[in-house]
Structure formats: C-alpha cells, structure tokens
Amino acid sequence: MLLYFVFGAIGSLLKDIVNDNCLTLPSIKEGKFYLGFFGGMIIGAIAGYLTDHSIIMAFTSGFTGASVITMLTAKKKEETVTETPSIEEQIKSIALEYGVDQVLALNVANCESGLNIKATNTNTDGSVDRGLYQINNK
C-alpha cells in the first residue's frame, strides 16, 4: 500500500509542478477547502490499490486526484428555470410584434380552439382543421 501512496504523491507533485511550479498544501480559500498535494496523493493511492493494484493508476490518479475532488465537492450553481409564457401571453406578444390587434388575436384563438394548441376538427369533406386558429389542411 505504501507504494501506491508514493506513486500517488509523485503524480500529485508532478501536477503541482506543471500547474504552478510549487507544492500546494491543504488550505481554505474563499470558504472552500482544498486538499492540495495530499489530496492527490490519497486519491492516487486509493485508486491504484482498488482498481487493479497498479502503480500507473496510482500515479495518474494522483495527477488528477485533487482537481477531481474539487470538482466533486464544488457546489453546483443553481440553474435558473425560466417558465414558458402562457398561450395568451405568447399570442399577445406575437400579435404586438406583427402589428395585429392583441385582443382580436386572442379572441379568435379562443373561439376557434379554446386556446388548445392541439385542437383538431375533421370536416365533412375529410379536410382537417388544426391548432389554435383551426387552419385547414387544404
């Protein structure tokens, strides 16, 4: 097991040298805890031992270990959920954009389909009226 810690430490040390040419120690920055060099060493040792008893795996996991831990423990930004505007709001917006009377556009859609975007009506001649404004397929 000591061998895996050594190779994990070598991988972590190499990463620190490549990134900023100094050894990163555990620290707290801006309220976040960083494991630094030791995190890479520990992750490398555990990964090398558990996966296939490989010192190569310990080395590569040591190289990437600290950044993986940081990524896994980072708080995800809350995604802003934008609500889809109602049918009425969409009709008014489009009517305004094209210079059509908003009230008239809304009233016609309400009379034709009850504001149901999936409304259909099959006529006696076999043609089909579809959508908010019951546009005929012919």
C-alpha atoms as a PDB file:
ATOM      1  CA  MET A   1       0.000   0.000   0.000  1.00  0.00           C
ATOM      2  CA  LEU A   2       2.886   2.362   0.692  1.00  0.00           C
ATOM      3  CA  LEU A   3       3.998   2.004  -2.917  1.00  0.00           C
ATOM      4  CA  TYR A   4       0.624   3.350  -4.099  1.00  0.00           C
ATOM      5  CA  PHE A   5       0.934   6.361  -1.770  1.00  0.00           C
ATOM      6  CA  VAL A   6       4.393   7.040  -3.176  1.00  0.00           C
ATOM      7  CA  PHE A   7       3.233   6.922  -6.800  1.00  0.00           C
ATOM      8  CA  GLY A   8       0.095   8.917  -5.959  1.00  0.00           C
ATOM      9  CA  ALA A   9       2.349  11.510  -4.324  1.00  0.00           C
ATOM     10  CA  ILE A  10       4.656  11.592  -7.367  1.00  0.00           C
ATOM     11  CA  GLY A  11       1.668  12.148  -9.668  1.00  0.00           C
ATOM     12  CA  SER A  12       0.267  14.865  -7.436  1.00  0.00           C
ATOM     13  CA  LEU A  13       3.676  16.522  -7.104  1.00  0.00           C
ATOM     14  CA  LEU A  14       4.167  16.487 -10.874  1.00  0.00           C
ATOM     15  CA  LYS A  15       0.771  18.137 -11.349  1.00  0.00           C
ATOM     16  CA  ASP A  16       1.669  20.885  -8.892  1.00  0.00           C
ATOM     17  CA  ILE A  17       4.970  21.486 -10.662  1.00  0.00           C
ATOM     18  CA  VAL A  18       3.330  21.570 -14.098  1.00  0.00           C
ATOM     19  CA  ASN A  19       0.479  23.862 -12.970  1.00  0.00           C
ATOM     20  CA  ASP A  20       2.243  26.500 -10.916  1.00  0.00           C
ATOM     21  CA  ASN A  21       5.752  25.266 -10.119  1.00  0.00           C
ATOM     22  CA  CYS A  22       5.105  24.959  -6.385  1.00  0.00           C
ATOM     23  CA  LEU A  23       3.713  22.441  -3.908  1.00  0.00           C
ATOM     24  CA  THR A  24       0.083  23.095  -3.000  1.00  0.00           C
ATOM     25  CA  LEU A  25      -0.707  22.363   0.638  1.00  0.00           C
ATOM     26  CA  PRO A  26      -4.177  21.907   2.125  1.00  0.00           C
ATOM     27  CA  SER A  27      -5.833  25.288   2.544  1.00  0.00           C
ATOM     28  CA  ILE A  28      -9.093  27.144   2.854  1.00  0.00           C
ATOM     29  CA  LYS A  29      -9.693  29.824   0.252  1.00  0.00           C
ATOM     30  CA  GLU A  30     -12.876  31.847  -0.037  1.00  0.00           C
ATOM     31  CA  GLY A  31     -14.638  29.434   2.304  1.00  0.00           C
ATOM     32  CA  LYS A  32     -13.669  26.351   0.264  1.00  0.00           C
ATOM     33  CA  PHE A  33     -11.370  23.607   1.478  1.00  0.00           C
ATOM     34  CA  TYR A  34      -8.604  22.460  -0.886  1.00  0.00           C
ATOM     35  CA  LEU A  35      -6.684  19.244  -0.204  1.00  0.00           C
ATOM     36  CA  GLY A  36      -3.767  20.211  -2.397  1.00  0.00           C
ATOM     37  CA  PHE A  37      -0.856  17.802  -2.813  1.00  0.00           C
ATOM     38  CA  PHE A  38      -2.089  15.455  -0.074  1.00  0.00           C
ATOM     39  CA  GLY A  39      -5.499  15.045  -1.718  1.00  0.00           C
ATOM     40  CA  GLY A  40      -3.881  13.894  -4.941  1.00  0.00           C
ATOM     41  CA  MET A  41      -1.631  11.522  -3.040  1.00  0.00           C
ATOM     42  CA  ILE A  42      -4.528   9.955  -1.124  1.00  0.00           C
ATOM     43  CA  ILE A  43      -6.779   9.665  -4.170  1.00  0.00           C
ATOM     44  CA  GLY A  44      -3.909   8.202  -6.174  1.00  0.00           C
ATOM     45  CA  ALA A  45      -3.157   5.590  -3.534  1.00  0.00           C
ATOM     46  CA  ILE A  46      -6.769   4.546  -3.136  1.00  0.00           C
ATOM     47  CA  ALA A  47      -7.431   4.404  -6.878  1.00  0.00           C
ATOM     48  CA  GLY A  48      -4.236   2.481  -7.580  1.00  0.00           C
ATOM     49  CA  TYR A  49      -4.975  -0.036  -4.863  1.00  0.00           C
ATOM     50  CA  LEU A  50      -8.676  -0.530  -5.545  1.00  0.00           C
ATOM     51  CA  THR A  51      -8.727  -0.632  -9.329  1.00  0.00           C
ATOM     52  CA  ASP A  52      -6.099  -3.110 -10.397  1.00  0.00           C
ATOM     53  CA  HIS A  53      -3.204  -2.785  -7.948  1.00  0.00           C
ATOM     54  CA  SER A  54      -1.436  -0.626 -10.490  1.00  0.00           C
ATOM     55  CA  ILE A  55       1.213   1.936  -9.711  1.00  0.00           C
ATOM     56  CA  ILE A  56       0.429   3.560 -13.073  1.00  0.00           C
ATOM     57  CA  MET A  57      -3.169   4.078 -11.939  1.00  0.00           C
ATOM     58  CA  ALA A  58      -1.914   5.474  -8.624  1.00  0.00           C
ATOM     59  CA  PHE A  59       0.330   7.916 -10.491  1.00  0.00           C
ATOM     60  CA  THR A  60      -2.355   9.117 -12.932  1.00  0.00           C
ATOM     61  CA  SER A  61      -4.979   9.347 -10.192  1.00  0.00           C
ATOM     62  CA  GLY A  62      -2.533  11.318  -8.070  1.00  0.00           C
ATOM     63  CA  PHE A  63      -2.034  13.655 -11.002  1.00  0.00           C
ATOM     64  CA  THR A  64      -5.768  14.298 -11.399  1.00  0.00           C
ATOM     65  CA  GLY A  65      -6.991  13.496  -7.882  1.00  0.00           C
ATOM     66  CA  ALA A  66      -7.067  16.915  -6.256  1.00  0.00           C
ATOM     67  CA  SER A  67      -8.878  18.502  -9.188  1.00  0.00           C
ATOM     68  CA  VAL A  68     -11.424  15.661  -9.242  1.00  0.00           C
ATOM     69  CA  ILE A  69     -12.149  16.123  -5.534  1.00  0.00           C
ATOM     70  CA  THR A  70     -12.513  19.866  -6.015  1.00  0.00           C
ATOM     71  CA  MET A  71     -14.896  19.309  -8.899  1.00  0.00           C
ATOM     72  CA  LEU A  72     -16.970  16.748  -6.982  1.00  0.00           C
ATOM     73  CA  THR A  73     -17.251  18.849  -3.844  1.00  0.00           C
ATOM     74  CA  ALA A  74     -17.950  22.145  -5.610  1.00  0.00           C
ATOM     75  CA  LYS A  75     -21.436  23.456  -5.150  1.00  0.00           C
ATOM     76  CA  LYS A  76     -23.410  23.429  -8.337  1.00  0.00           C
ATOM     77  CA  LYS A  77     -24.764  26.743  -9.464  1.00  0.00           C
ATOM     78  CA  GLU A  78     -28.496  26.846  -9.214  1.00  0.00           C
ATOM     79  CA  GLU A  79     -29.976  26.709 -12.653  1.00  0.00           C
ATOM     80  CA  THR A  80     -32.443  29.415 -13.360  1.00  0.00           C
ATOM     81  CA  VAL A  81     -35.650  27.951 -14.612  1.00  0.00           C
ATOM     82  CA  THR A  82     -37.495  30.193 -16.986  1.00  0.00           C
ATOM     83  CA  GLU A  83     -41.166  29.500 -17.188  1.00  0.00           C
ATOM     84  CA  THR A  84     -42.721  29.180 -20.595  1.00  0.00           C
ATOM     85  CA  PRO A  85     -45.142  32.046 -21.164  1.00  0.00           C
ATOM     86  CA  SER A  86     -48.816  31.093 -21.273  1.00  0.00           C
ATOM     87  CA  ILE A  87     -50.602  30.715 -24.606  1.00  0.00           C
ATOM     88  CA  GLU A  88     -52.342  34.028 -24.006  1.00  0.00           C
ATOM     89  CA  GLU A  89     -49.035  35.806 -23.374  1.00  0.00           C
ATOM     90  CA  GLN A  90     -47.471  34.236 -26.471  1.00  0.00           C
ATOM     91  CA  ILE A  91     -50.403  35.242 -28.689  1.00  0.00           C
ATOM     92  CA  LYS A  92     -50.280  38.824 -27.364  1.00  0.00           C
ATOM     93  CA  SER A  93     -46.515  39.017 -27.859  1.00  0.00           C
ATOM     94  CA  ILE A  94     -46.658  37.744 -31.452  1.00  0.00           C
ATOM     95  CA  ALA A  95     -49.629  39.997 -32.268  1.00  0.00           C
ATOM     96  CA  LEU A  96     -47.735  43.011 -30.939  1.00  0.00           C
ATOM     97  CA  GLU A  97     -44.645  42.029 -32.953  1.00  0.00           C
ATOM     98  CA  TYR A  98     -46.643  41.868 -36.203  1.00  0.00           C
ATOM     99  CA  GLY A  99     -48.863  44.886 -35.521  1.00  0.00           C
ATOM    100  CA  VAL A 100     -52.069  42.868 -35.066  1.00  0.00           C
ATOM    101  CA  ASP A 101     -54.733  43.790 -32.511  1.00  0.00           C
ATOM    102  CA  GLN A 102     -53.846  41.687 -29.441  1.00  0.00           C
ATOM    103  CA  VAL A 103     -57.414  41.370 -28.165  1.00  0.00           C
ATOM    104  CA  LEU A 104     -58.687  40.296 -31.576  1.00  0.00           C
ATOM    105  CA  ALA A 105     -55.918  37.687 -31.979  1.00  0.00           C
ATOM    106  CA  LEU A 106     -56.641  36.271 -28.543  1.00  0.00           C
ATOM    107  CA  ASN A 107     -60.418  36.221 -29.043  1.00  0.00           C
ATOM    108  CA  VAL A 108     -60.186  34.439 -32.416  1.00  0.00           C
ATOM    109  CA  ALA A 109     -57.900  31.741 -30.995  1.00  0.00           C
ATOM    110  CA  ASN A 110     -60.229  31.336 -28.022  1.00  0.00           C
ATOM    111  CA  CYS A 111     -63.296  30.958 -30.264  1.00  0.00           C
ATOM    112  CA  GLU A 112     -61.625  28.593 -32.735  1.00  0.00           C
ATOM    113  CA  SER A 113     -59.849  26.205 -30.356  1.00  0.00           C
ATOM    114  CA  GLY A 114     -60.482  27.257 -26.766  1.00  0.00           C
ATOM    115  CA  LEU A 115     -56.729  28.089 -26.722  1.00  0.00           C
ATOM    116  CA  ASN A 116     -55.890  24.401 -27.202  1.00  0.00           C
ATOM    117  CA  ILE A 117     -52.779  24.158 -29.384  1.00  0.00           C
ATOM    118  CA  LYS A 118     -53.562  20.509 -30.184  1.00  0.00           C
ATOM    119  CA  ALA A 119     -57.174  21.086 -31.215  1.00  0.00           C
ATOM    120  CA  THR A 120     -58.329  19.288 -34.376  1.00  0.00           C
ATOM    121  CA  ASN A 121     -61.619  19.089 -36.234  1.00  0.00           C
ATOM    122  CA  THR A 122     -62.379  16.780 -39.127  1.00  0.00           C
ATOM    123  CA  ASN A 123     -64.826  18.348 -41.591  1.00  0.00           C
ATOM    124  CA  THR A 124     -67.479  16.504 -43.622  1.00  0.00           C
ATOM    125  CA  ASP A 125     -65.306  16.746 -46.759  1.00  0.00           C
ATOM    126  CA  GLY A 126     -62.421  14.971 -44.945  1.00  0.00           C
ATOM    127  CA  SER A 127     -60.268  18.063 -44.516  1.00  0.00           C
ATOM    128  CA  VAL A 128     -58.846  18.734 -41.070  1.00  0.00           C
ATOM    129  CA  ASP A 129     -58.686  21.990 -39.113  1.00  0.00           C
ATOM    130  CA  ARG A 130     -55.713  22.154 -36.739  1.00  0.00           C
ATOM    131  CA  GLY A 131     -54.219  24.286 -33.981  1.00  0.00           C
ATOM    132  CA  LEU A 132     -55.152  27.472 -32.181  1.00  0.00           C
ATOM    133  CA  TYR A 133     -56.716  29.093 -35.220  1.00  0.00           C
ATOM    134  CA  GLN A 134     -58.047  25.869 -36.776  1.00  0.00           C
ATOM    135  CA  ILE A 135     -56.093  26.262 -40.016  1.00  0.00           C
ATOM    136  CA  ASN A 136     -57.451  23.856 -42.643  1.00  0.00           C
ATOM    137  CA  ASN A 137     -55.075  21.385 -44.274  1.00  0.00           C
ATOM    138  CA  LYS A 138     -56.420  22.201 -47.734  1.00  0.00           C
END
